[in-house]
């Protein structure tokens, strides 16, 4: 599947905002203020909430626009850049230190797991453009997929249903369903047994 570009800052931010393109904001003032409010909420109410209070943290995410299925478990030090761009099915788990950088929509399928300190990177910059604009891509982590601890997923990369990205691996291309990947860049290691529901 080709990467799906969702947002190009060059199309939304006027060149007149700063003479040097590196000084231009990547997002509107309203977007930046919304993130300030969310980050304050995260720092005060989310980050220091007791570990078992998954429903409380899910409520906070929903208040800020996240669409979550039942029984999602976000751990206290997990980070979501823009809750309003997060769509989760049921029983999604996002471990401590895991980060979802989602300037564009990110979808997590049923029973998807992001382990401790894993990182979904939803944006990059157009380094061939003198203005260096931010480019944000939609991403999807399929049902029963697992991003292991400290693994990273590059912008616009999608993980097929049941795929596994091993410890500290880096996914730079889409992962096939029910396959196990490892390394940097990640390569297919073997097939995984398909979970029957």
Protein backbone atom coordinates (compact mmCIF):
# COMPACT_ATOMS: atom_id res chain seq x y z
CA UNK A 1 0.00 0.00 0.00
CA UNK A 2 1.38 3.41 -0.96
CA UNK A 3 1.90 5.96 1.78
CA UNK A 4 -1.14 8.21 2.19
CA UNK A 5 -0.16 11.86 2.56
CA UNK A 6 -2.73 13.61 4.76
CA UNK A 7 -1.16 17.00 5.44
CA UNK A 8 1.50 19.15 3.78
CA UNK A 9 2.37 22.24 5.81
CA UNK A 10 3.34 24.12 2.63
CA UNK A 11 -0.32 23.98 1.54
CA UNK A 12 -1.64 25.35 4.84
CA UNK A 13 0.91 27.82 6.22
CA UNK A 14 1.43 31.05 4.28
CA UNK A 15 5.03 31.93 3.34
CA UNK A 16 4.47 35.39 4.81
CA UNK A 17 4.34 33.98 8.34
CA UNK A 18 8.17 34.11 8.51
CA UNK A 19 10.86 35.20 6.05
CA UNK A 20 12.95 32.10 6.80
CA UNK A 21 10.92 28.96 6.01
CA UNK A 22 12.61 27.13 8.89
CA UNK A 23 10.92 29.58 11.26
CA UNK A 24 7.40 28.98 9.93
CA UNK A 25 5.07 26.99 12.13
CA UNK A 26 4.00 23.61 10.78
CA UNK A 27 0.42 23.99 12.05
CA UNK A 28 -2.20 26.67 12.56
CA UNK A 29 -2.38 28.72 15.75
CA UNK A 30 -5.60 26.92 16.72
CA UNK A 31 -3.93 23.51 16.36
CA UNK A 32 -0.98 24.61 18.48
CA UNK A 33 -3.24 25.98 21.22
CA UNK A 34 -5.28 22.78 21.26
CA UNK A 35 -2.06 20.82 21.79
CA UNK A 36 -1.01 23.15 24.62
CA UNK A 37 -4.27 22.42 26.44
CA UNK A 38 -3.92 18.67 25.79
CA UNK A 39 -0.31 18.67 27.03
CA UNK A 40 -1.35 20.42 30.25
CA UNK A 41 -4.11 17.85 30.73
CA UNK A 42 -1.65 15.02 30.04
CA UNK A 43 0.90 16.40 32.51
CA UNK A 44 -1.61 16.99 35.31
CA UNK A 45 -4.35 14.38 34.97
CA UNK A 46 -3.05 11.61 32.68
CA UNK A 47 0.64 11.13 33.49
CA UNK A 48 0.26 10.94 37.25
CA UNK A 49 -2.95 8.92 37.36
CA UNK A 50 -2.69 5.58 39.20
CA UNK A 51 -1.64 2.74 36.92
CA UNK A 52 -4.93 0.75 37.13
CA UNK A 53 -7.10 3.73 36.06
CA UNK A 54 -7.32 2.80 32.38
CA UNK A 55 -10.92 3.99 32.10
CA UNK A 56 -9.94 7.43 33.42
CA UNK A 57 -7.17 7.87 30.85
CA UNK A 58 -9.47 6.61 28.09
CA UNK A 59 -12.04 9.20 29.19
CA UNK A 60 -9.44 11.99 28.97
CA UNK A 61 -8.48 10.88 25.46
CA UNK A 62 -12.15 10.79 24.42
CA UNK A 63 -12.71 14.29 25.81
CA UNK A 64 -9.97 15.46 23.43
CA UNK A 65 -11.55 13.70 20.46
CA UNK A 66 -10.06 10.20 20.42
CA UNK A 67 -12.37 7.47 19.14
CA UNK A 68 -11.77 4.45 21.36
CA UNK A 69 -13.44 1.08 21.48
CA UNK A 70 -14.09 -0.65 24.82
CA UNK A 71 -11.36 -1.88 27.14
CA UNK A 72 -8.47 0.15 25.68
CA UNK A 73 -5.49 0.33 28.03
CA UNK A 74 -3.27 3.39 27.87
CA UNK A 75 -0.56 3.34 30.52
CA UNK A 76 0.30 6.52 32.46
CA UNK A 77 3.48 7.52 30.62
CA UNK A 78 2.21 6.71 27.13
CA UNK A 79 2.08 9.79 24.87
CA UNK A 80 -0.43 10.69 22.18
CA UNK A 81 0.48 13.83 20.22
CA UNK A 82 -3.06 14.59 18.99
CA UNK A 83 -5.87 12.55 20.58
CA UNK A 84 -8.34 13.88 17.98
CA UNK A 85 -6.35 11.95 15.33
CA UNK A 86 -6.47 8.63 17.19
CA UNK A 87 -8.94 5.88 16.27
CA UNK A 88 -8.80 2.61 18.23
CA UNK A 89 -10.86 -0.55 18.08
CA UNK A 90 -11.42 -2.62 21.23
CA UNK A 91 -8.75 -3.98 23.58
CA UNK A 92 -5.89 -1.83 22.30
CA UNK A 93 -2.91 -1.56 24.66
CA UNK A 94 -0.32 1.24 24.64
CA UNK A 95 2.49 0.66 27.13
CA UNK A 96 4.49 3.00 29.34
CA UNK A 97 6.75 5.28 27.34
CA UNK A 98 5.11 4.36 24.03
CA UNK A 99 4.54 7.39 21.83
CA UNK A 100 2.09 7.99 19.00
CA UNK A 101 3.16 11.04 17.01
CA UNK A 102 0.00 11.53 14.95
CA UNK A 103 -0.40 14.83 13.13
CA UNK A 104 -2.52 12.71 10.74
CA UNK A 105 -5.04 10.00 11.68
CA UNK A 106 -3.63 6.78 13.18
CA UNK A 107 -5.81 3.68 13.46
CA UNK A 108 -5.11 0.83 15.87
CA UNK A 109 -7.02 -2.37 15.22
CA UNK A 110 -8.62 -4.71 17.74
CA UNK A 111 -6.11 -6.22 20.19
CA UNK A 112 -3.20 -4.18 18.75
CA UNK A 113 -0.32 -3.66 21.17
CA UNK A 114 2.33 -0.94 21.33
CA UNK A 115 4.87 -2.06 23.94
CA UNK A 116 7.06 0.07 26.21
CA UNK A 117 8.96 2.91 24.53
CA UNK A 118 7.78 2.00 21.04
CA UNK A 119 7.30 4.89 18.65
CA UNK A 120 4.86 5.49 15.80
CA UNK A 121 6.18 8.42 13.76
CA UNK A 122 3.39 9.94 11.68
CA UNK A 123 5.30 12.78 10.03
CA UNK A 124 8.54 13.82 8.38
CA UNK A 125 9.76 16.80 6.34
CA UNK A 126 10.17 17.31 2.60
CA UNK A 127 13.95 17.72 2.59
CA UNK A 128 13.96 18.37 -1.19
CA UNK A 129 11.82 21.49 -0.71
CA UNK A 130 13.75 24.62 0.36
CA UNK A 131 10.91 25.38 2.77
CA UNK A 132 11.38 21.98 4.51
CA UNK A 133 7.60 21.61 5.10
CA UNK A 134 6.20 19.01 7.44
CA UNK A 135 4.46 16.05 5.74
CA UNK A 136 2.02 13.97 7.81
CA UNK A 137 0.79 10.53 6.78
CA UNK A 138 -2.12 8.36 7.85
CA UNK A 139 -1.07 5.08 9.46
CA UNK A 140 -2.71 1.84 10.50
CA UNK A 141 -1.70 -0.90 12.91
CA UNK A 142 -3.83 -3.93 12.11
CA UNK A 143 -5.79 -6.11 14.50
CA UNK A 144 -3.58 -8.37 16.65
CA UNK A 145 -0.43 -6.58 15.46
CA UNK A 146 2.34 -6.06 17.99
CA UNK A 147 5.00 -3.35 18.02
CA UNK A 148 7.53 -4.65 20.55
CA UNK A 149 9.47 -2.55 23.06
CA UNK A 150 11.61 0.26 21.60
CA UNK A 151 10.57 -0.55 18.05
CA UNK A 152 9.88 2.35 15.66
CA UNK A 153 7.49 2.68 12.74
CA UNK A 154 8.40 5.21 10.05
CA UNK A 155 5.92 7.77 8.64
CA UNK A 156 3.17 6.29 6.49
CA UNK A 157 4.12 2.68 7.22
CA UNK A 158 1.23 0.31 7.90
CA UNK A 159 1.30 -2.93 9.87
CA UNK A 160 -0.86 -5.72 8.55
CA UNK A 161 -3.19 -7.75 10.71
CA UNK A 162 -1.25 -9.92 13.16
CA UNK A 163 2.15 -8.61 12.12
CA UNK A 164 4.97 -8.36 14.68
CA UNK A 165 7.75 -5.78 14.75
CA UNK A 166 10.48 -7.15 17.01
CA UNK A 167 12.41 -5.55 19.84
CA UNK A 168 14.09 -2.25 18.84
CA UNK A 169 13.40 -2.86 15.14
CA UNK A 170 12.63 -0.10 12.63
CA UNK A 171 9.82 -0.58 10.10
CA UNK A 172 10.47 1.50 6.98
CA UNK A 173 8.04 -0.41 4.73
CA UNK A 174 4.57 -1.92 5.24
CA UNK A 175 4.52 -5.20 7.17
CA UNK A 176 2.66 -8.18 5.72
CA UNK A 177 -0.18 -9.72 7.73
CA UNK A 178 0.79 -12.46 10.17
CA UNK A 179 4.52 -12.04 9.60
CA UNK A 180 7.33 -11.40 12.09
CA UNK A 181 9.91 -8.69 11.32
CA UNK A 182 13.17 -7.72 12.97
CA UNK A 183 16.21 -5.53 12.46
CA UNK A 184 16.93 -2.03 11.25
CA UNK A 185 15.55 -1.69 8.69
CA UNK A 186 13.17 -4.50 9.58
CA UNK A 187 13.12 -7.59 7.37
CA UNK A 188 10.72 -10.49 7.41
CA UNK A 189 11.97 -13.27 9.67
CA UNK A 190 9.10 -15.78 9.55
CA UNK A 191 5.35 -16.24 9.42
CA UNK A 192 3.29 -16.10 12.58
CA UNK A 193 0.47 -18.52 13.36
CA UNK A 194 -2.80 -16.84 12.54
CA UNK A 195 -5.11 -16.24 15.49
CA UNK A 196 -8.58 -17.60 14.84
CA UNK A 197 -11.40 -15.73 16.53
